[in-house]
């Protein structure tokens, strides 16, 4: 039996986040430690960086039936945590990690103006509320960031 559309979407998003590596041209190696939910304490990782994919509750536009799909708007937030050297507060690693999250999530499909995860979704839209907290400015050693976005996809009761 095939995975549900929602499971496929979550796995595709995690796969995108796992691409975040300096060897692939990103600023950080955040893709080495990707989790569903909040990122873990970075002190247990080498390099000390982690990404969490947090899902919200989908909103429905229309009414799906066995024969007809409806459009869903599914909110997510990609959250990151990364070591921030208190001795080097101008490095701003939280900004680097946020830039990596944006690049990975909003990477358009080849030849398309949309982000469809290879045709799995209709599009991915930015949502308000992105944040960066570079704690090295306060003498702490972990910077955090968050990138909210919305996934638009089709789902029906006959094809969940």
Foldseek 3Di string as FASTA:
>chain_A
DDDALVVVVVVLLLVLLLCQPVVNVAPHNQSVAEEADQWDQQVVDVQSKYKYKYWDDWDWDDAFALVFKTKIKIKIKIKMKHWADLVCLPVQVQVRVVVSSCCSQFPPDPPDPANCSVVSFPHKAWDPDWDKASCSVVVDTMIMIMTMIITIHIDHPNGD
